[in-house]
């Protein structure tokens, strides 16, 4: 699945859109990420959108117990 994030002004007019592709983050979490450049009012902006699924990292592995 691919998502699209639309950037809108306060009146609701669309200023640009970013495509969000599925991503497995280095942390082990899963979600979506997209970045791109937008031209808004004659000025260029760089934008990033990151969606991280809550709980997608899973249970962390407990550290081994030290023997005495």
PDB file of N, CA and C in Angstrom:
ATOM      1  N   UNK A   1       0.849  -1.178   0.000  1.00  0.00           N
ATOM      2  CA  UNK A   1       0.000   0.000   0.000  1.00  0.00           C
ATOM      3  C   UNK A   1       0.891   1.236   0.000  1.00  0.00           C
ATOM      4  N   UNK A   2       0.536   2.215  -0.796  1.00  0.00           N
ATOM      5  CA  UNK A   2       1.224   3.504  -0.847  1.00  0.00           C
ATOM      6  C   UNK A   2       0.217   4.571  -0.427  1.00  0.00           C
ATOM      7  N   UNK A   3       0.657   5.543   0.370  1.00  0.00           N
ATOM      8  CA  UNK A   3      -0.210   6.620   0.846  1.00  0.00           C
ATOM      9  C   UNK A   3       0.198   7.935   0.206  1.00  0.00           C
ATOM     10  N   UNK A   4      -0.708   8.901   0.219  1.00  0.00           N
ATOM     11  CA  UNK A   4      -0.412  10.239  -0.263  1.00  0.00           C
ATOM     12  C   UNK A   4      -0.767  11.232   0.833  1.00  0.00           C
ATOM     13  N   UNK A   5       0.165  12.131   1.159  1.00  0.00           N
ATOM     14  CA  UNK A   5      -0.079  13.195   2.129  1.00  0.00           C
ATOM     15  C   UNK A   5      -0.227  14.503   1.357  1.00  0.00           C
ATOM     16  N   UNK A   6      -1.342  15.181   1.556  1.00  0.00           N
ATOM     17  CA  UNK A   6      -1.598  16.447   0.872  1.00  0.00           C
ATOM     18  C   UNK A   6      -1.366  17.595   1.846  1.00  0.00           C
ATOM     19  N   UNK A   7      -0.586  18.577   1.412  1.00  0.00           N
ATOM     20  CA  UNK A   7      -0.314  19.773   2.213  1.00  0.00           C
ATOM     21  C   UNK A   7      -1.344  20.821   1.803  1.00  0.00           C
ATOM     22  N   UNK A   8      -2.078  21.350   2.787  1.00  0.00           N
ATOM     23  CA  UNK A   8      -3.131  22.326   2.507  1.00  0.00           C
ATOM     24  C   UNK A   8      -2.913  23.595   3.328  1.00  0.00           C
ATOM     25  N   UNK A   9      -3.401  24.715   2.807  1.00  0.00           N
ATOM     26  CA  UNK A   9      -3.356  25.952   3.585  1.00  0.00           C
ATOM     27  C   UNK A   9      -4.584  26.021   4.494  1.00  0.00           C
ATOM     28  N   UNK A  10      -4.699  27.092   5.268  1.00  0.00           N
ATOM     29  CA  UNK A  10      -5.790  27.187   6.234  1.00  0.00           C
ATOM     30  C   UNK A  10      -7.171  27.307   5.592  1.00  0.00           C
ATOM     31  N   UNK A  11      -7.225  27.599   4.292  1.00  0.00           N
ATOM     32  CA  UNK A  11      -8.534  27.633   3.612  1.00  0.00           C
ATOM     33  C   UNK A  11      -8.881  26.278   2.999  1.00  0.00           C
ATOM     34  N   UNK A  12      -7.950  25.316   3.083  1.00  0.00           N
ATOM     35  CA  UNK A  12      -8.198  23.982   2.555  1.00  0.00           C
ATOM     36  C   UNK A  12      -7.681  23.757   1.145  1.00  0.00           C
ATOM     37  N   UNK A  13      -7.079  24.787   0.537  1.00  0.00           N
ATOM     38  CA  UNK A  13      -6.545  24.648  -0.819  1.00  0.00           C
ATOM     39  C   UNK A  13      -5.272  23.798  -0.784  1.00  0.00           C
ATOM     40  N   UNK A  14      -5.192  22.821  -1.700  1.00  0.00           N
ATOM     41  CA  UNK A  14      -4.021  21.943  -1.769  1.00  0.00           C
ATOM     42  C   UNK A  14      -2.827  22.708  -2.322  1.00  0.00           C
ATOM     43  N   UNK A  15      -1.690  22.607  -1.631  1.00  0.00           N
ATOM     44  CA  UNK A  15      -0.460  23.272  -2.059  1.00  0.00           C
ATOM     45  C   UNK A  15       0.541  22.293  -2.655  1.00  0.00           C
ATOM     46  N   UNK A  16       0.394  21.034  -2.350  1.00  0.00           N
ATOM     47  CA  UNK A  16       1.310  20.019  -2.857  1.00  0.00           C
ATOM     48  C   UNK A  16       0.996  18.688  -2.208  1.00  0.00           C
ATOM     49  N   UNK A  17       1.674  17.652  -2.684  1.00  0.00           N
ATOM     50  CA  UNK A  17       1.438  16.315  -2.145  1.00  0.00           C
ATOM     51  C   UNK A  17       2.747  15.537  -2.116  1.00  0.00           C
ATOM     52  N   UNK A  18       2.838  14.624  -1.165  1.00  0.00           N
ATOM     53  CA  UNK A  18       3.984  13.733  -1.045  1.00  0.00           C
ATOM     54  C   UNK A  18       3.487  12.300  -1.078  1.00  0.00           C
ATOM     55  N   UNK A  19       4.215  11.441  -1.752  1.00  0.00           N
ATOM     56  CA  UNK A  19       3.906  10.013  -1.784  1.00  0.00           C
ATOM     57  C   UNK A  19       4.657   9.353  -0.634  1.00  0.00           C
ATOM     58  N   UNK A  20       3.945   8.542   0.155  1.00  0.00           N
ATOM     59  CA  UNK A  20       4.543   7.843   1.297  1.00  0.00           C
ATOM     60  C   UNK A  20       4.622   6.358   0.969  1.00  0.00           C
ATOM     61  N   UNK A  21       5.832   5.845   0.937  1.00  0.00           N
ATOM     62  CA  UNK A  21       6.066   4.430   0.668  1.00  0.00           C
ATOM     63  C   UNK A  21       6.249   3.672   1.977  1.00  0.00           C
ATOM     64  N   UNK A  22       5.934   2.390   1.992  1.00  0.00           N
ATOM     65  CA  UNK A  22       6.166   1.582   3.193  1.00  0.00           C
ATOM     66  C   UNK A  22       7.642   1.613   3.569  1.00  0.00           C
ATOM     67  N   UNK A  23       7.924   1.603   4.863  1.00  0.00           N
ATOM     68  CA  UNK A  23       9.313   1.667   5.323  1.00  0.00           C
ATOM     69  C   UNK A  23       9.483   0.838   6.582  1.00  0.00           C
ATOM     70  N   UNK A  24      10.575   0.096   6.634  1.00  0.00           N
ATOM     71  CA  UNK A  24      11.021  -0.572   7.854  1.00  0.00           C
ATOM     72  C   UNK A  24      12.135   0.296   8.416  1.00  0.00           C
ATOM     73  N   UNK A  25      11.870   0.975   9.533  1.00  0.00           N
ATOM     74  CA  UNK A  25      12.833   1.891  10.118  1.00  0.00           C
ATOM     75  C   UNK A  25      13.968   1.119  10.806  1.00  0.00           C
ATOM     76  N   UNK A  26      15.130   1.759  10.954  1.00  0.00           N
ATOM     77  CA  UNK A  26      16.295   1.132  11.587  1.00  0.00           C
ATOM     78  C   UNK A  26      16.009   0.690  13.017  1.00  0.00           C
ATOM     79  N   UNK A  27      15.046   1.327  13.644  1.00  0.00           N
ATOM     80  CA  UNK A  27      14.695   1.001  15.031  1.00  0.00           C
ATOM     81  C   UNK A  27      13.930  -0.306  15.144  1.00  0.00           C
ATOM     82  N   UNK A  28      13.457  -0.828  13.997  1.00  0.00           N
ATOM     83  CA  UNK A  28      12.647  -2.037  14.002  1.00  0.00           C
ATOM     84  C   UNK A  28      11.168  -1.747  13.829  1.00  0.00           C
ATOM     85  N   UNK A  29      10.792  -0.487  13.916  1.00  0.00           N
ATOM     86  CA  UNK A  29       9.389  -0.098  13.715  1.00  0.00           C
ATOM     87  C   UNK A  29       9.055  -0.116  12.232  1.00  0.00           C
ATOM     88  N   UNK A  30       7.761  -0.210  11.952  1.00  0.00           N
ATOM     89  CA  UNK A  30       7.274  -0.195  10.575  1.00  0.00           C
ATOM     90  C   UNK A  30       6.355   1.003  10.378  1.00  0.00           C
ATOM     91  N   UNK A  31       6.260   1.455   9.136  1.00  0.00           N
ATOM     92  CA  UNK A  31       5.376   2.574   8.848  1.00  0.00           C
ATOM     93  C   UNK A  31       5.515   3.038   7.423  1.00  0.00           C
ATOM     94  N   UNK A  32       5.421   4.361   7.219  1.00  0.00           N
ATOM     95  CA  UNK A  32       5.493   4.977   5.906  1.00  0.00           C
ATOM     96  C   UNK A  32       6.364   6.219   5.983  1.00  0.00           C
ATOM     97  N   UNK A  33       7.044   6.543   4.868  1.00  0.00           N
ATOM     98  CA  UNK A  33       7.919   7.713   4.833  1.00  0.00           C
ATOM     99  C   UNK A  33       7.920   8.299   3.429  1.00  0.00           C
ATOM    100  N   UNK A  34       7.902   9.623   3.364  1.00  0.00           N
ATOM    101  CA  UNK A  34       8.006  10.313   2.089  1.00  0.00           C
ATOM    102  C   UNK A  34       8.675  11.654   2.267  1.00  0.00           C
ATOM    103  N   UNK A  35       9.383  12.093   1.230  1.00  0.00           N
ATOM    104  CA  UNK A  35       9.998  13.415   1.265  1.00  0.00           C
ATOM    105  C   UNK A  35      10.005  13.996  -0.142  1.00  0.00           C
ATOM    106  N   UNK A  36      10.066  15.312  -0.213  1.00  0.00           N
ATOM    107  CA  UNK A  36      10.091  15.961  -1.516  1.00  0.00           C
ATOM    108  C   UNK A  36      10.185  17.462  -1.352  1.00  0.00           C
ATOM    109  N   UNK A  37      10.206  18.136  -2.480  1.00  0.00           N
ATOM    110  CA  UNK A  37      10.281  19.594  -2.483  1.00  0.00           C
ATOM    111  C   UNK A  37       8.959  20.141  -2.999  1.00  0.00           C
ATOM    112  N   UNK A  38       8.498  21.198  -2.354  1.00  0.00           N
ATOM    113  CA  UNK A  38       7.236  21.830  -2.717  1.00  0.00           C
ATOM    114  C   UNK A  38       7.480  23.298  -3.051  1.00  0.00           C
ATOM    115  N   UNK A  39       6.761  23.823  -4.018  1.00  0.00           N
ATOM    116  CA  UNK A  39       6.814  25.238  -4.370  1.00  0.00           C
ATOM    117  C   UNK A  39       5.534  25.868  -3.832  1.00  0.00           C
ATOM    118  N   UNK A  40       5.678  26.718  -2.824  1.00  0.00           N
ATOM    119  CA  UNK A  40       4.521  27.345  -2.183  1.00  0.00           C
ATOM    120  C   UNK A  40       4.720  28.856  -2.216  1.00  0.00           C
ATOM    121  N   UNK A  41       3.855  29.534  -2.912  1.00  0.00           N
ATOM    122  CA  UNK A  41       3.931  30.996  -2.986  1.00  0.00           C
ATOM    123  C   UNK A  41       5.236  31.490  -3.574  1.00  0.00           C
ATOM    124  N   UNK A  42       5.792  30.765  -4.531  1.00  0.00           N
ATOM    125  CA  UNK A  42       7.036  31.181  -5.167  1.00  0.00           C
ATOM    126  C   UNK A  42       8.288  30.838  -4.384  1.00  0.00           C
ATOM    127  N   UNK A  43       8.137  30.195  -3.223  1.00  0.00           N
ATOM    128  CA  UNK A  43       9.281  29.782  -2.418  1.00  0.00           C
ATOM    129  C   UNK A  43       9.346  28.269  -2.412  1.00  0.00           C
ATOM    130  N   UNK A  44      10.562  27.727  -2.382  1.00  0.00           N
ATOM    131  CA  UNK A  44      10.744  26.277  -2.366  1.00  0.00           C
ATOM    132  C   UNK A  44      10.927  25.801  -0.926  1.00  0.00           C
ATOM    133  N   UNK A  45      10.287  24.682  -0.631  1.00  0.00           N
ATOM    134  CA  UNK A  45      10.373  24.065   0.690  1.00  0.00           C
ATOM    135  C   UNK A  45      10.700  22.591   0.530  1.00  0.00           C
ATOM    136  N   UNK A  46      11.454  22.081   1.480  1.00  0.00           N
ATOM    137  CA  UNK A  46      11.707  20.645   1.548  1.00  0.00           C
ATOM    138  C   UNK A  46      10.826  20.101   2.659  1.00  0.00           C
ATOM    139  N   UNK A  47      10.125  18.997   2.379  1.00  0.00           N
ATOM    140  CA  UNK A  47       9.184  18.452   3.351  1.00  0.00           C
ATOM    141  C   UNK A  47       9.428  16.963   3.550  1.00  0.00           C
ATOM    142  N   UNK A  48       9.129  16.493   4.751  1.00  0.00           N
ATOM    143  CA  UNK A  48       9.199  15.076   5.086  1.00  0.00           C
ATOM    144  C   UNK A  48       7.957  14.712   5.886  1.00  0.00           C
ATOM    145  N   UNK A  49       7.440  13.523   5.614  1.00  0.00           N
ATOM    146  CA  UNK A  49       6.313  13.005   6.390  1.00  0.00           C
ATOM    147  C   UNK A  49       6.686  11.593   6.817  1.00  0.00           C
ATOM    148  N   UNK A  50       6.497  11.321   8.085  1.00  0.00           N
ATOM    149  CA  UNK A  50       6.833  10.013   8.648  1.00  0.00           C
ATOM    150  C   UNK A  50       5.647   9.523   9.466  1.00  0.00           C
ATOM    151  N   UNK A  51       5.175   8.327   9.155  1.00  0.00           N
ATOM    152  CA  UNK A  51       4.112   7.692   9.932  1.00  0.00           C
ATOM    153  C   UNK A  51       4.687   6.408  10.512  1.00  0.00           C
ATOM    154  N   UNK A  52       4.661   6.285  11.822  1.00  0.00           N
ATOM    155  CA  UNK A  52       5.192   5.094  12.483  1.00  0.00           C
ATOM    156  C   UNK A  52       4.035   4.369  13.160  1.00  0.00           C
ATOM    157  N   UNK A  53       3.893   3.089  12.831  1.00  0.00           N
ATOM    158  CA  UNK A  53       2.835   2.289  13.433  1.00  0.00           C
ATOM    159  C   UNK A  53       3.154   2.050  14.903  1.00  0.00           C
ATOM    160  N   UNK A  54       2.262   2.451  15.767  1.00  0.00           N
ATOM    161  CA  UNK A  54       2.458   2.284  17.212  1.00  0.00           C
ATOM    162  C   UNK A  54       2.437   0.798  17.546  1.00  0.00           C
ATOM    163  N   UNK A  55       3.457   0.349  18.246  1.00  0.00           N
ATOM    164  CA  UNK A  55       3.550  -1.041  18.660  1.00  0.00           C
ATOM    165  C   UNK A  55       4.143  -1.970  17.613  1.00  0.00           C
ATOM    166  N   UNK A  56       4.586  -1.419  16.473  1.00  0.00           N
ATOM    167  CA  UNK A  56       5.104  -2.277  15.407  1.00  0.00           C
ATOM    168  C   UNK A  56       6.504  -2.789  15.687  1.00  0.00           C
ATOM    169  N   UNK A  57       7.181  -2.206  16.645  1.00  0.00           N
ATOM    170  CA  UNK A  57       8.533  -2.639  16.975  1.00  0.00           C
ATOM    171  C   UNK A  57       8.513  -3.982  17.692  1.00  0.00           C
ATOM    172  N   UNK A  58       7.422  -4.300  18.333  1.00  0.00           N
ATOM    173  CA  UNK A  58       7.311  -5.560  19.050  1.00  0.00           C
ATOM    174  C   UNK A  58       7.934  -5.472  20.421  1.00  0.00           C
ATOM    175  N   UNK A  59       7.803  -6.560  21.133  1.00  0.00           N
ATOM    176  CA  UNK A  59       8.377  -6.604  22.497  1.00  0.00           C
ATOM    177  C   UNK A  59       9.886  -6.663  22.396  1.00  0.00           C
ATOM    178  N   UNK A  60      10.544  -5.882  23.213  1.00  0.00           N
ATOM    179  CA  UNK A  60      12.012  -5.913  23.203  1.00  0.00           C
ATOM    180  C   UNK A  60      12.489  -7.196  23.897  1.00  0.00           C
ATOM    181  N   UNK A  61      13.608  -7.684  23.448  1.00  0.00           N
ATOM    182  CA  UNK A  61      14.182  -8.907  24.019  1.00  0.00           C
ATOM    183  C   UNK A  61      14.827  -8.553  25.358  1.00  0.00           C
ATOM    184  N   UNK A  62      14.473  -9.271  26.432  1.00  0.00           N
ATOM    185  CA  UNK A  62      15.076  -8.949  27.727  1.00  0.00           C
ATOM    186  C   UNK A  62      16.563  -9.288  27.725  1.00  0.00           C
ATOM    187  N   UNK A  63      17.321  -8.489  28.447  1.00  0.00           N
ATOM    188  CA  UNK A  63      18.760  -8.721  28.550  1.00  0.00           C
ATOM    189  C   UNK A  63      19.022  -9.987  29.356  1.00  0.00           C
ATOM    190  N   UNK A  64      20.049 -10.755  28.984  1.00  0.00           N
ATOM    191  CA  UNK A  64      20.350 -11.960  29.747  1.00  0.00           C
ATOM    192  C   UNK A  64      20.765 -11.615  31.177  1.00  0.00           C
ATOM    193  N   UNK A  65      20.373 -12.492  32.102  1.00  0.00           N
ATOM    194  CA  UNK A  65      20.710 -12.248  33.504  1.00  0.00           C
ATOM    195  C   UNK A  65      22.170 -12.581  33.744  1.00  0.00           C
ATOM    196  N   UNK A  66      22.798 -11.787  34.571  1.00  0.00           N
ATOM    197  CA  UNK A  66      24.195 -12.029  34.921  1.00  0.00           C
ATOM    198  C   UNK A  66      24.271 -13.142  35.946  1.00  0.00           C
ATOM    199  N   UNK A  67      25.205 -14.068  35.752  1.00  0.00           N
ATOM    200  CA  UNK A  67      25.352 -15.159  36.738  1.00  0.00           C
ATOM    201  C   UNK A  67      26.256 -14.682  37.864  1.00  0.00           C
ATOM    202  N   UNK A  68      25.981 -15.178  39.063  1.00  0.00           N
ATOM    203  CA  UNK A  68      26.774 -14.765  40.227  1.00  0.00           C
ATOM    204  C   UNK A  68      27.714 -15.830  40.678  1.00  0.00           C
TER     205      UNK A  68
END
